Protein backbone atom coordinates (compact mmCIF):
# COMPACT_ATOMS: atom_id res chain seq x y z
CA MET A 1 -1.47 -36.89 -1.18
CA SER A 2 0.68 -39.06 -3.42
CA THR A 3 4.04 -37.52 -2.49
CA ALA A 4 3.38 -37.37 1.24
CA GLU A 5 4.97 -39.50 3.91
CA ALA A 6 3.57 -40.48 7.28
CA PRO A 7 3.69 -37.82 10.00
CA ALA A 8 6.95 -37.84 11.91
CA PRO A 9 6.62 -39.80 15.17
CA ALA A 10 6.67 -37.77 18.35
CA ALA A 11 9.70 -38.19 20.53
CA ALA A 12 9.24 -40.14 23.71
CA ALA A 13 8.21 -38.23 26.79
CA GLY A 14 11.19 -36.61 28.40
CA ASP A 15 13.27 -36.85 25.21
CA SER A 16 11.40 -34.35 22.97
CA LYS A 17 13.43 -31.38 24.21
CA VAL A 18 16.83 -33.06 24.21
CA VAL A 19 19.12 -30.93 22.06
CA PRO A 20 21.51 -33.02 19.93
CA GLU A 21 25.18 -32.09 20.01
CA GLY A 22 26.10 -29.37 17.52
CA PHE A 23 22.59 -27.92 17.30
CA GLU A 24 21.14 -24.75 18.76
CA VAL A 25 17.50 -24.12 19.58
CA ARG A 26 15.66 -21.30 17.83
CA THR A 27 12.32 -20.31 19.34
CA GLU A 28 9.60 -18.33 17.58
CA GLY A 29 6.07 -17.99 18.88
CA LYS A 30 5.12 -21.27 20.55
CA VAL A 31 7.53 -23.35 18.46
CA SER A 32 11.21 -24.27 18.72
CA ILE A 33 13.43 -25.77 16.03
CA LEU A 34 16.92 -27.21 15.91
CA GLN A 35 19.43 -25.38 13.75
CA ARG A 36 22.99 -26.30 12.84
CA ALA A 37 24.99 -23.67 10.97
CA ASN A 38 23.35 -23.16 7.55
CA ASP A 39 22.56 -26.79 6.72
CA VAL A 40 18.86 -25.83 6.44
CA PHE A 41 17.80 -22.36 5.35
CA PHE A 42 16.55 -20.15 8.17
CA ASN A 43 16.35 -16.35 8.20
CA PRO A 44 15.39 -14.59 11.46
CA ALA A 45 14.36 -11.52 9.44
CA GLN A 46 11.47 -13.51 7.99
CA VAL A 47 9.78 -13.58 11.40
CA ILE A 48 7.71 -10.67 10.06
CA ASN A 49 6.70 -12.78 7.06
CA ARG A 50 5.84 -15.79 9.25
CA ASP A 51 3.89 -13.76 11.81
CA MET A 52 1.95 -11.97 9.08
CA SER A 53 1.21 -15.25 7.30
CA LEU A 54 0.05 -16.84 10.55
CA SER A 55 -2.27 -13.89 11.21
CA VAL A 56 -3.71 -13.81 7.69
CA LEU A 57 -4.29 -17.58 7.68
CA LYS A 58 -6.02 -17.34 11.05
CA TYR A 59 -8.29 -14.59 9.75
CA PHE A 60 -8.95 -16.61 6.58
CA ILE A 61 -10.04 -19.63 8.64
CA ALA A 62 -12.52 -17.47 10.56
CA GLN A 63 -13.84 -15.92 7.33
CA ARG A 64 -14.19 -19.33 5.75
CA GLU A 65 -16.21 -20.62 8.70
CA THR A 66 -18.52 -17.62 8.40
CA GLU A 67 -19.00 -18.33 4.70
CA ILE A 68 -19.78 -21.98 5.44
CA GLU A 69 -22.35 -21.07 8.07
CA SER A 70 -24.05 -18.68 5.64
CA GLY A 71 -24.12 -21.33 2.93
CA GLU A 72 -21.95 -19.22 0.63
CA ALA A 73 -19.08 -21.72 0.57
CA ARG A 74 -21.01 -24.99 0.16
CA LYS A 75 -21.28 -24.64 -3.61
CA ARG A 76 -17.53 -24.08 -3.73
CA PHE A 77 -16.81 -27.36 -1.99
CA GLN A 78 -19.15 -29.16 -4.36
CA LYS A 79 -17.44 -27.48 -7.32
CA ALA A 80 -14.06 -28.64 -6.03
CA ALA A 81 -15.33 -32.22 -5.66
CA ASN A 82 -16.83 -32.20 -9.16
CA ALA A 83 -13.54 -30.93 -10.58
CA GLY A 84 -11.78 -34.07 -9.39
CA ALA A 85 -10.10 -32.31 -6.52
CA ALA A 86 -7.93 -35.27 -5.55
CA GLY A 87 -6.46 -37.10 -8.47
CA ALA A 88 -4.57 -39.35 -6.05
CA GLY A 89 -7.65 -40.34 -4.09
CA ALA A 90 -7.48 -37.72 -1.32
CA LYS A 91 -10.42 -35.45 -0.66
CA PRO A 92 -10.37 -31.76 0.21
CA ALA A 93 -11.35 -30.74 3.72
CA GLN A 94 -15.11 -30.54 4.05
CA PRO A 95 -17.16 -28.00 6.02
CA GLY A 96 -16.43 -28.38 9.72
CA GLU A 97 -13.26 -30.46 9.25
CA GLY A 98 -10.76 -27.61 9.23
CA VAL A 99 -8.36 -26.44 6.55
CA ARG A 100 -5.59 -28.31 4.75
CA VAL A 101 -2.43 -26.29 4.09
CA LEU A 102 0.48 -26.93 1.73
CA GLU A 103 3.80 -25.27 2.42
CA GLY A 104 5.56 -26.07 -0.82
CA LEU A 105 9.11 -25.05 0.17
CA ALA A 106 9.11 -25.69 3.89
CA ALA A 107 12.89 -25.73 4.62
CA SER A 108 13.21 -26.10 8.42
CA GLY A 109 9.47 -26.61 8.76
CA LEU A 110 9.19 -23.76 11.28
CA ARG A 111 6.28 -22.09 9.53
CA ALA A 112 4.40 -25.35 8.97
CA ILE A 113 4.83 -26.31 12.64
CA ARG A 114 3.63 -22.87 13.76
CA TYR A 115 0.54 -23.21 11.54
CA ALA A 116 -0.32 -26.56 13.10
CA THR A 117 0.55 -25.58 16.67
CA GLU A 118 -0.74 -22.03 16.94
CA LEU A 119 -3.86 -22.06 14.76
CA GLU A 120 -7.17 -23.66 15.61
CA GLY A 121 -9.10 -24.97 12.63
CA VAL A 122 -6.07 -26.48 10.85
CA TRP A 123 -6.74 -30.10 9.86
CA GLU A 124 -3.41 -30.90 8.19
CA VAL A 125 -0.25 -29.12 7.09
CA VAL A 126 1.80 -30.75 4.34
CA ALA A 127 5.42 -29.58 4.63
CA ASN A 128 7.16 -30.26 1.31
CA ASP A 129 10.74 -29.81 0.15
CA LEU A 130 12.76 -31.06 -2.80
CA ASP A 131 15.88 -31.90 -0.76
CA PRO A 132 15.61 -35.21 1.19
CA SER A 133 18.16 -34.02 3.77
CA VAL A 134 16.04 -30.93 4.43
CA VAL A 135 12.96 -33.11 4.92
CA GLU A 136 14.91 -35.14 7.48
CA SER A 137 15.59 -31.89 9.30
CA MET A 138 11.86 -31.12 9.18
CA LYS A 139 11.07 -34.51 10.73
CA ARG A 140 13.58 -33.80 13.49
CA ASN A 141 11.93 -30.44 14.23
CA ILE A 142 8.44 -31.95 14.19
CA ALA A 143 9.52 -34.62 16.66
CA PHE A 144 11.27 -31.96 18.77
CA ASN A 145 7.96 -30.12 19.18
CA GLY A 146 5.82 -33.25 19.41
CA GLY A 147 2.14 -33.02 20.36
CA VAL A 148 -0.05 -31.25 17.83
CA ALA A 149 2.87 -30.78 15.45
CA ALA A 150 3.43 -34.54 15.25
CA GLU A 151 -0.30 -35.13 14.73
CA LYS A 152 -0.98 -32.53 12.05
CA VAL A 153 2.24 -31.92 10.09
CA THR A 154 2.92 -34.35 7.25
CA THR A 155 6.27 -34.26 5.47
CA SER A 156 6.64 -34.63 1.73
CA VAL A 157 9.69 -35.01 -0.54
CA GLY A 158 9.46 -33.73 -4.08
CA ASP A 159 9.04 -30.84 -6.47
CA ALA A 160 6.49 -28.34 -5.15
CA ARG A 161 4.99 -28.11 -8.65
CA LEU A 162 4.23 -31.83 -8.67
CA ALA A 163 2.82 -31.63 -5.16
CA CYS A 164 0.38 -29.03 -6.49
CA LEU A 165 -0.46 -30.67 -9.82
CA GLN A 166 -1.05 -34.11 -8.32
CA ASN A 167 -3.46 -32.62 -5.79
CA SER A 168 -5.48 -30.01 -7.68
CA TYR A 169 -8.20 -28.29 -5.68
CA LEU A 170 -7.04 -30.17 -2.58
CA PHE A 171 -5.61 -27.42 -0.39
CA ASP A 172 -7.48 -24.60 1.30
CA ALA A 173 -4.23 -22.63 1.51
CA VAL A 174 -1.01 -22.90 -0.50
CA ASP A 175 2.06 -21.13 0.90
CA LEU A 176 5.04 -20.62 -1.42
CA ASP A 177 8.09 -18.82 -0.08
CA PRO A 178 10.95 -19.59 -2.51
CA TYR A 179 14.52 -18.42 -2.39
CA GLY A 180 14.19 -15.95 -5.28
CA SER A 181 11.42 -15.89 -7.86
CA PRO A 182 8.11 -17.78 -7.53
CA SER A 183 7.40 -17.47 -11.27
CA LYS A 184 7.89 -21.20 -12.03
CA LEU A 185 5.46 -22.16 -9.27
CA LEU A 186 2.49 -19.97 -10.12
CA ASP A 187 0.86 -22.10 -12.80
CA SER A 188 0.67 -25.17 -10.56
CA ALA A 189 -0.22 -23.17 -7.44
CA VAL A 190 -3.41 -21.68 -8.92
CA GLN A 191 -4.57 -25.24 -9.70
CA ALA A 192 -3.86 -26.67 -6.24
CA VAL A 193 -5.87 -24.25 -4.13
CA ASN A 194 -9.49 -25.08 -3.30
CA GLU A 195 -12.38 -22.89 -4.43
CA GLY A 196 -12.22 -19.64 -2.47
CA GLY A 197 -8.90 -20.78 -1.02
CA LEU A 198 -5.88 -18.68 -0.11
CA LEU A 199 -2.55 -18.31 -1.92
CA LEU A 200 0.35 -16.92 0.11
CA ILE A 201 3.29 -16.08 -2.17
CA THR A 202 6.66 -14.42 -1.55
CA ALA A 203 9.12 -13.02 -4.09
CA THR A 204 12.63 -12.00 -3.10
CA ASP A 205 13.98 -11.27 -6.61
CA MET A 206 13.50 -7.55 -6.07
CA ALA A 207 16.32 -6.47 -8.38
CA VAL A 208 14.36 -8.11 -11.19
CA LEU A 209 10.91 -6.88 -10.15
CA CYS A 210 12.09 -3.33 -9.43
CA GLY A 211 13.58 -2.75 -12.87
CA ASN A 212 17.29 -3.40 -12.57
CA HIS A 213 16.90 -6.34 -14.94
CA GLY A 214 13.80 -5.55 -16.98
CA GLU A 215 14.42 -8.23 -19.59
CA ALA A 216 14.59 -10.91 -16.88
CA CYS A 217 11.35 -9.62 -15.34
CA TYR A 218 9.56 -9.81 -18.67
CA ALA A 219 10.82 -13.36 -19.22
CA LYS A 220 9.63 -14.46 -15.76
CA TYR A 221 6.46 -12.43 -15.24
CA ALA A 222 5.52 -11.21 -18.76
CA SER A 223 5.71 -7.62 -17.55
CA TYR A 224 8.26 -4.85 -18.01
CA PRO A 225 9.20 -3.03 -14.76
CA LEU A 226 10.38 0.56 -14.43
CA HIS A 227 13.11 1.49 -11.98
CA LYS A 228 11.31 4.51 -10.55
CA PRO A 229 10.37 5.64 -7.02
CA TYR A 230 7.16 3.56 -7.17
CA CYS A 231 9.05 0.38 -8.13
CA HIS A 232 8.22 -1.44 -4.88
CA GLU A 233 4.49 -1.04 -5.43
CA MET A 234 4.91 -1.87 -9.11
CA ALA A 235 6.68 -5.08 -8.07
CA LEU A 236 3.57 -6.09 -6.12
CA ARG A 237 1.33 -5.28 -9.06
CA ILE A 238 3.53 -7.23 -11.49
CA LEU A 239 3.38 -10.33 -9.29
CA LEU A 240 -0.41 -10.02 -8.92
CA ALA A 241 -0.83 -9.61 -12.67
CA SER A 242 1.22 -12.74 -13.26
CA ILE A 243 -0.85 -14.77 -10.78
CA GLU A 244 -4.06 -13.47 -12.36
CA GLN A 245 -2.97 -14.45 -15.86
CA HIS A 246 -1.91 -17.94 -14.76
CA ALA A 247 -5.25 -18.40 -12.99
CA ALA A 248 -7.21 -17.23 -16.03
CA ARG A 249 -5.90 -20.15 -18.08
CA TYR A 250 -7.94 -22.43 -15.82
CA LYS A 251 -11.05 -20.21 -15.72
CA ARG A 252 -10.01 -18.88 -12.34
CA TYR A 253 -9.45 -15.36 -11.01
CA ILE A 254 -7.91 -13.77 -7.93
CA VAL A 255 -9.03 -11.33 -5.25
CA PRO A 256 -6.07 -9.80 -3.33
CA VAL A 257 -6.74 -9.38 0.38
CA LEU A 258 -3.29 -8.06 1.36
CA SER A 259 -0.20 -7.14 -0.69
CA LEU A 260 2.96 -6.05 1.10
CA SER A 261 6.39 -4.69 0.28
CA ILE A 262 8.60 -5.42 3.28
CA ASP A 263 12.33 -4.74 3.46
CA PHE A 264 13.93 -6.99 0.80
CA TYR A 265 10.89 -8.93 -0.44
CA ILE A 266 7.22 -8.74 -1.35
CA ARG A 267 4.42 -10.94 -0.02
CA VAL A 268 0.91 -11.25 -1.46
CA PHE A 269 -2.19 -12.95 -0.08
CA VAL A 270 -4.92 -13.66 -2.64
CA ARG A 271 -8.08 -15.73 -2.73
CA VAL A 272 -8.76 -17.83 -5.82
CA TYR A 273 -12.19 -18.44 -7.37
CA THR A 274 -13.51 -20.16 -10.49
CA SER A 275 -15.77 -18.37 -12.98
CA ALA A 276 -15.54 -18.43 -16.78
CA ALA A 277 -17.64 -15.26 -16.91
CA GLU A 278 -15.41 -13.36 -14.47
CA VAL A 279 -12.25 -14.37 -16.33
CA LYS A 280 -13.46 -12.25 -19.25
CA ASN A 281 -12.68 -9.20 -17.09
CA VAL A 282 -8.97 -9.99 -16.75
CA ALA A 283 -7.85 -7.32 -19.23
CA THR A 284 -9.94 -4.69 -17.43
CA ARG A 285 -7.98 -5.37 -14.23
CA LEU A 286 -4.56 -4.89 -15.81
CA GLY A 287 -2.86 -1.69 -16.96
CA TYR A 288 0.20 -0.11 -18.53
CA VAL A 289 2.14 2.84 -17.08
CA TRP A 290 3.65 5.64 -19.17
CA GLN A 291 6.58 7.32 -17.46
CA SER A 292 8.02 10.65 -18.60
CA THR A 293 11.77 10.45 -19.17
CA GLY A 294 12.17 14.14 -18.33
CA CYS A 295 10.30 14.48 -15.03
CA ASP A 296 8.38 12.51 -12.41
CA SER A 297 5.03 12.50 -14.24
CA PHE A 298 3.46 9.13 -14.98
CA TYR A 299 0.12 8.07 -16.43
CA TRP A 300 -1.57 4.70 -16.67
CA GLN A 301 -4.22 3.10 -18.86
CA ALA A 302 -6.24 -0.12 -18.70
CA VAL A 303 -5.39 -2.97 -21.05
CA GLY A 304 -9.07 -3.63 -21.73
CA ARG A 305 -12.52 -2.21 -21.03
CA ARG A 306 -16.01 -3.55 -20.53
CA THR A 307 -19.10 -1.82 -21.91
CA THR A 308 -22.76 -2.61 -21.35
CA LYS A 309 -25.45 -1.91 -23.93
CA GLY A 310 -29.17 -2.38 -23.64
CA GLY A 311 -28.95 -3.45 -20.02
CA ASN A 312 -27.78 -7.03 -20.61
CA SER A 313 -25.44 -6.89 -23.59
CA VAL A 314 -21.82 -6.90 -22.37
CA LYS A 315 -18.96 -6.29 -24.75
CA TYR A 316 -15.23 -6.55 -24.07
CA GLN A 317 -12.91 -4.28 -26.01
CA PRO A 318 -9.32 -3.02 -25.96
CA GLY A 319 -8.58 -0.09 -23.67
CA TYR A 320 -8.77 3.45 -24.99
CA GLY A 321 -5.55 5.09 -26.08
CA PRO A 322 -3.22 6.68 -26.33
CA ALA A 323 -3.21 7.58 -22.65
CA VAL A 324 -0.64 10.29 -23.29
CA SER A 325 0.42 12.60 -26.08
CA GLU A 326 3.60 11.86 -28.00
CA LYS A 327 5.59 14.12 -25.68
CA CYS A 328 5.38 14.87 -21.96
CA PRO A 329 3.14 17.95 -21.50
CA GLU A 330 5.46 19.34 -18.81
CA THR A 331 8.92 18.82 -20.31
CA GLY A 332 8.41 17.77 -23.93
CA SER A 333 10.37 14.58 -23.27
CA ASN A 334 9.54 11.06 -24.44
CA PHE A 335 7.75 8.35 -22.48
CA THR A 336 8.79 4.85 -21.50
CA MET A 337 6.12 2.18 -21.04
CA GLY A 338 5.94 -0.42 -18.28
CA GLY A 339 3.61 -3.28 -17.49
CA PRO A 340 1.15 -4.82 -17.74
CA PHE A 341 0.51 -4.69 -14.01
CA TRP A 342 -2.43 -5.24 -11.64
CA SER A 343 -4.39 -1.97 -11.60
CA GLN A 344 -7.08 -2.87 -9.06
CA PRO A 345 -6.86 -2.48 -5.24
CA LEU A 346 -3.94 -4.22 -3.55
CA HIS A 347 -5.84 -4.92 -0.35
CA ASP A 348 -9.28 -5.69 1.01
CA GLN A 349 -9.66 -2.93 3.60
CA GLU A 350 -12.19 -4.95 5.61
CA TRP A 351 -9.56 -7.66 5.97
CA VAL A 352 -6.94 -5.09 6.96
CA ALA A 353 -9.21 -3.67 9.68
CA GLY A 354 -10.03 -7.18 10.89
CA LEU A 355 -6.37 -8.16 10.91
CA LEU A 356 -5.41 -5.10 12.95
CA GLU A 357 -8.02 -5.99 15.55
CA GLN A 358 -6.95 -9.63 15.57
CA ILE A 359 -3.21 -9.01 15.97
CA ARG A 360 -3.86 -6.64 18.87
CA ALA A 361 -5.66 -9.48 20.60
CA ASP A 362 -2.81 -11.90 19.70
CA LYS A 363 0.01 -9.51 20.63
CA ALA A 364 1.56 -11.82 23.22
CA ASN A 365 1.95 -14.63 20.66
CA LEU A 366 3.44 -12.58 17.81
CA PRO A 367 7.19 -11.92 18.12
CA ALA A 368 7.00 -9.31 15.34
CA PHE A 369 3.83 -7.63 16.62
CA ASP A 370 5.24 -4.08 16.54
CA LYS A 371 6.32 -4.37 12.91
CA LEU A 372 3.05 -6.03 11.88
CA HIS A 373 1.05 -3.32 13.60
CA SER A 374 3.02 -0.54 11.92
CA ILE A 375 2.77 -2.10 8.44
CA LEU A 376 -0.97 -2.80 8.66
CA THR A 377 -1.57 0.69 10.06
CA ALA A 378 0.15 2.25 7.03
CA VAL A 379 -1.74 -0.11 4.69
CA SER A 380 -5.08 0.80 6.29
CA GLU A 381 -4.70 4.43 5.16
CA GLU A 382 -3.69 3.85 1.54
CA LEU A 383 -5.94 5.04 -1.26
CA PRO A 384 -7.29 1.83 -2.85
CA ASP A 385 -7.88 3.22 -6.34
CA ALA A 386 -4.71 5.24 -7.02
CA PRO A 387 -2.12 2.91 -8.57
CA LEU A 388 1.51 3.81 -7.83
CA TYR A 389 2.87 6.83 -5.97
CA PHE A 390 5.45 9.58 -6.33
CA ASN A 391 8.27 10.56 -4.02
CA LEU A 392 7.99 14.16 -2.84
CA HIS A 393 11.75 14.61 -2.58
CA ASP A 394 12.29 13.36 -6.13
CA VAL A 395 9.78 15.94 -7.37
CA CYS A 396 11.66 18.65 -5.47
CA LYS A 397 14.97 17.38 -6.80
CA THR A 398 13.61 17.82 -10.33
CA LEU A 399 12.79 21.46 -9.56
CA ARG A 400 15.93 22.02 -7.45
CA THR A 401 13.82 23.42 -4.64
CA THR A 402 13.59 23.05 -0.89
CA PRO A 403 11.08 20.26 -0.12
CA PRO A 404 7.95 21.28 1.73
CA ARG A 405 6.82 19.14 4.61
CA SER A 406 4.68 16.30 3.33
CA GLU A 407 1.75 17.72 5.28
CA VAL A 408 1.96 20.95 3.23
CA LEU A 409 1.74 19.18 -0.13
CA ARG A 410 -0.99 16.85 1.09
CA SER A 411 -2.98 19.82 2.41
CA ALA A 412 -2.69 21.60 -0.92
CA LEU A 413 -4.06 18.52 -2.71
CA VAL A 414 -6.93 18.20 -0.25
CA ASN A 415 -7.72 21.93 -0.50
CA ALA A 416 -7.85 21.52 -4.29
CA GLY A 417 -10.55 18.86 -3.89
CA TYR A 418 -8.49 15.69 -4.29
CA ARG A 419 -7.76 12.68 -2.11
CA VAL A 420 -4.28 11.85 -0.86
CA SER A 421 -2.54 9.24 1.27
CA GLY A 422 0.85 7.76 2.00
CA SER A 423 2.18 4.37 0.95
CA HIS A 424 3.36 1.51 3.16
CA ALA A 425 6.05 0.81 0.55
CA ASN A 426 7.85 4.14 1.01
CA PRO A 427 7.75 6.64 3.90
CA LEU A 428 8.07 9.49 1.38
CA GLY A 429 5.50 8.10 -1.07
CA VAL A 430 2.40 10.13 -1.97
CA LYS A 431 -0.66 8.51 -3.53
CA THR A 432 -3.35 10.78 -4.96
CA ASP A 433 -6.14 10.91 -7.52
CA ALA A 434 -5.04 14.40 -8.59
CA PRO A 435 -3.70 14.72 -12.16
CA TRP A 436 -0.06 15.66 -12.62
CA SER A 437 -1.04 19.09 -13.90
CA VAL A 438 -2.39 19.85 -10.41
CA VAL A 439 0.67 18.44 -8.64
CA TRP A 440 3.00 20.58 -10.76
CA ASP A 441 0.82 23.68 -10.27
CA ILE A 442 1.07 23.21 -6.51
CA MET A 443 4.85 22.91 -6.80
CA ARG A 444 4.99 26.03 -9.00
CA CYS A 445 3.12 27.93 -6.29
CA TRP A 446 5.54 26.55 -3.70
CA VAL A 447 8.55 27.71 -5.74
CA GLN A 448 7.02 31.17 -6.13
CA GLN A 449 7.02 31.41 -2.33
CA HIS A 450 10.44 29.77 -2.02
CA PRO A 451 12.47 31.05 -5.01
CA VAL A 452 15.24 28.94 -6.51
CA LYS A 453 18.20 29.88 -8.63
CA LYS A 454 17.60 30.18 -12.36
CA PRO A 455 17.19 26.67 -13.81
CA ALA A 456 19.76 25.40 -16.27
CA PRO A 457 18.79 26.02 -19.92
CA GLY A 458 16.94 23.04 -21.39
CA SER A 459 16.40 21.40 -18.00
CA ALA A 460 13.15 19.88 -16.80
CA ALA A 461 12.98 22.55 -14.10
CA GLU A 462 13.13 25.31 -16.72
CA SER A 463 10.29 23.75 -18.74
CA ILE A 464 8.06 23.19 -15.71
CA LEU A 465 8.65 26.52 -13.99
CA ALA A 466 8.28 28.51 -17.22
CA LYS A 467 4.52 27.90 -17.06
CA GLU A 468 2.27 29.97 -14.85
CA PRO A 469 0.16 27.83 -12.50
CA GLU A 470 -3.49 27.61 -13.55
CA LEU A 471 -4.37 26.46 -10.04
CA LYS A 472 -3.62 28.89 -7.24
CA ALA A 473 -2.67 26.41 -4.56
CA ASP A 474 -3.95 26.79 -1.02
CA LEU A 475 -1.04 25.62 1.15
CA SER A 476 -2.84 26.13 4.45
CA ARG A 477 -3.13 23.13 6.74
CA ALA A 478 -6.03 20.75 6.05
CA ALA A 479 -7.02 18.37 8.84
CA GLN A 480 -7.86 15.59 6.35
CA ALA A 481 -4.29 15.68 5.04
CA VAL A 482 -2.81 14.43 8.32
CA SER A 483 -2.64 10.68 8.78
CA LYS A 484 -5.08 9.39 11.40
CA ALA A 485 -2.32 7.16 12.70
CA ARG A 486 -0.06 10.16 13.10
CA GLN A 487 -2.76 12.08 14.90
CA LYS A 488 -3.03 9.19 17.37
CA GLY A 489 0.73 8.73 17.67
CA VAL A 490 0.71 5.28 16.06
CA ALA A 491 4.02 4.41 14.44
CA ARG A 492 3.81 3.47 10.75
CA PHE A 493 7.46 2.90 9.82
CA LEU A 494 9.55 1.05 12.39
CA PRO A 495 13.31 0.56 11.98
CA ASN A 496 14.69 -2.96 11.75
CA PRO A 497 16.26 -4.30 14.95
CA GLU A 498 19.62 -5.24 13.42
CA ALA A 499 22.05 -3.89 10.83
CA ASN A 500 22.32 -7.28 9.11
CA TRP A 501 18.56 -7.58 8.59
CA GLY A 502 18.14 -8.86 5.06
CA PRO A 503 18.47 -11.85 2.75
CA LYS A 504 20.67 -14.77 3.76
CA PRO A 505 22.68 -17.28 1.68
CA ARG A 506 21.04 -20.48 0.43
CA HIS A 507 21.23 -23.44 2.76
CA GLY A 508 24.43 -25.41 2.44
CA ARG A 509 26.49 -22.29 1.79
CA PRO A 510 28.54 -20.84 4.66
CA ALA A 511 26.76 -17.95 6.32
CA LYS A 512 28.95 -14.86 5.96
CA GLN A 513 28.84 -11.92 8.28
CA GLN A 514 28.00 -8.92 6.14
CA LYS A 515 28.13 -5.45 7.51
CA HIS A 516 25.82 -4.03 4.87
CA GLN A 517 23.11 -6.23 3.43
CA HIS A 518 20.17 -4.31 2.20
CA GLY A 519 17.22 -4.68 -0.08
CA PRO A 520 16.37 -2.23 -2.90
CA GLN A 521 14.49 0.14 -0.59
CA GLN A 522 17.45 0.41 1.80
CA GLU A 523 19.76 0.97 -1.19
CA GLU A 524 17.59 3.88 -2.32
CA GLN A 525 17.65 5.39 1.17
CA ALA A 526 21.45 5.07 1.26
CA GLU A 527 21.59 6.73 -2.16
CA GLN A 528 19.48 9.63 -0.89
CA ALA A 529 21.75 10.00 2.14
CA GLU A 530 24.80 10.15 -0.11
CA GLN A 531 23.18 12.78 -2.31
CA MET A 532 22.30 14.83 0.77
CA ALA A 533 25.90 14.64 2.01
CA GLU A 534 27.19 15.82 -1.36
CA GLN A 535 24.80 18.76 -1.37
CA GLN A 536 25.79 19.76 2.16
CA ALA A 537 29.46 19.58 1.19
CA GLU A 538 28.81 21.94 -1.70
CA GLN A 539 27.09 24.34 0.64
CA ARG A 540 29.97 24.24 3.13
CA ALA A 541 32.40 24.96 0.31
CA GLY A 542 30.59 28.25 -0.20
CA ASP A 543 29.54 27.58 -3.77
CA ASP A 544 26.77 30.09 -4.37
CA ALA A 545 25.45 28.04 -7.26
CA ALA A 546 24.74 25.21 -4.85
CA ALA A 547 22.73 27.29 -2.39
CA ALA A 548 19.39 25.92 -3.53
CA ASP A 549 20.77 22.40 -3.42
CA GLY A 550 21.95 22.96 0.12
CA ALA A 551 18.52 24.21 1.12
CA ALA A 552 16.99 21.16 -0.49
CA ALA A 553 19.36 18.99 1.48
CA ASP A 554 18.27 20.68 4.69
CA GLY A 555 14.67 19.98 3.75
CA VAL A 556 15.50 16.35 3.03
CA ALA A 557 17.27 16.07 6.36
CA ALA A 558 14.30 17.57 8.19
CA GLU A 559 11.85 15.26 6.47
CA GLN A 560 14.02 12.19 7.07
CA ALA A 561 14.43 13.15 10.70
CA GLU A 562 10.68 13.50 10.91
CA ALA A 563 10.15 10.05 9.39
CA ALA A 564 12.81 8.55 11.64
CA ALA A 565 11.31 10.14 14.72
CA GLU A 566 7.82 8.90 13.97
CA PRO A 567 8.48 5.31 15.11
CA MET A 568 9.58 6.67 18.47
CA GLN A 569 6.04 7.85 19.15
CA GLN A 570 4.73 5.18 21.45
CA ASP A 571 1.49 3.48 20.60
CA GLY A 572 -0.49 2.64 23.71
CA GLU A 573 -1.39 -0.69 22.16
CA ALA A 574 2.09 -1.44 20.80
CA ASP A 575 4.44 -0.87 23.70
CA GLY A 576 6.27 -4.15 23.49
CA GLY A 577 9.40 -2.80 21.80
CA ALA A 578 11.10 -4.46 18.87
CA SER A 579 10.15 -7.93 20.05
CA GLU A 580 10.83 -9.49 16.67
CA ALA A 581 14.53 -9.48 17.57
CA GLN A 582 14.01 -12.44 19.91
CA ALA A 583 13.79 -14.77 16.89
């Protein structure tokens, strides 16, 4: 590629592991790097990100080889060649040659070196960074590892956007993990990846994507977020919608294979294809959400729709609307609108199942195996066609009632004939295809069995509980409502190994020791804990008016204890402990 430099020379035998004065060695997987203070950005917490990326890329390589053997991928390679894949004279990897990977913001080069060292089927990894001093650090780390790293990792100095634009269709995988928002990189990234290739993209601007700064999110991603319990999933869907719309400008479209909300960031893995006909469906894959301002109810609608007439006549039209009445049917309150967001499945469940099997086989080589296994296990059980989720405790807070165990609510939904699952983005999240009228009827039946004090006049609780339930909820236990992972004792939500497990300062800035450094999800959990403490204090003070609140707090405590205890259930296949801490 035009911006690339020659691979860094391997250190002489016997010298490759000499540690220069002032540096410390950081080891992850089969790779070690040299680190000095914060002169080059490195975050141990991202071991989960790196391990997951390594696993997904490995699975992608295997899938790609299968497609080549079946003949499915050969037309793609020809299409890439015809499109002028290498404006600078380079050619994309051909069948049998292996994959070419671009890490656009490589920093220390740790991830790029791990790709080259730990994955078979990698032909070349281009490790790019804008800062020349950072690239020198990369070269030092490549030489420190020597061997395959020196042979396959090529360093590059320059803007990641130029590296993509000057090498369109060149890379089989493009990995972008910026410090903050990836929004400026998306347009060039969708042009750089080969036909059927893989985009791996991280966003750490969660305050923006989760609705704290909606105007900034709209400016960056052309979507308005809502700061609601489902904000972490909505952040994923906003990023996917943005990638899809950038790709559509070049007659390309995306297929997400895995989309994750982890701690303080989100990470998506999507494949990119070219088809002018398929791009016409973009609007049918996006949606808007309507959120009641008075209660937890939300509704969504597609931006566009596709109709077929006469067998072959396809027509594209705007989506039907309005999706809601002028006022919320439960509380009479107004609605706020968010989006557009990606409304299709977040994951390819065949990939998820394959990844779970693969990481079990690779357990010894994955420092963050336990966390990966728990995340993918939770993902494997999510409903694919139920965008967003609600938080059971928020629903109970609205009604000022003691929360039922999640199994009780899920059983009631199953007994009513609907599907239900959890969400990997929130231990208390509930995804279901049941309408909100059913959810509220179940809660009305619950309140009838667990009476609360008289709701305040004009409150949402008064409006909701004033209606008699049309559905007589069956709260008896339903086997289908219990997570298969839970039945087998497989942990789905593991705690982080350290208190200071979150974002770190940019390289060049002094690394400060922070006692509390959390992402949006941890902030919400802290908020819930504070609310619970306040409610318990009211109960201890003997305020009769707070009795229901105190009961609710007890329910919250029981549920949180249950969620916290779940990771302690040992998985026979995941008994390695919190091994990610070794990074």
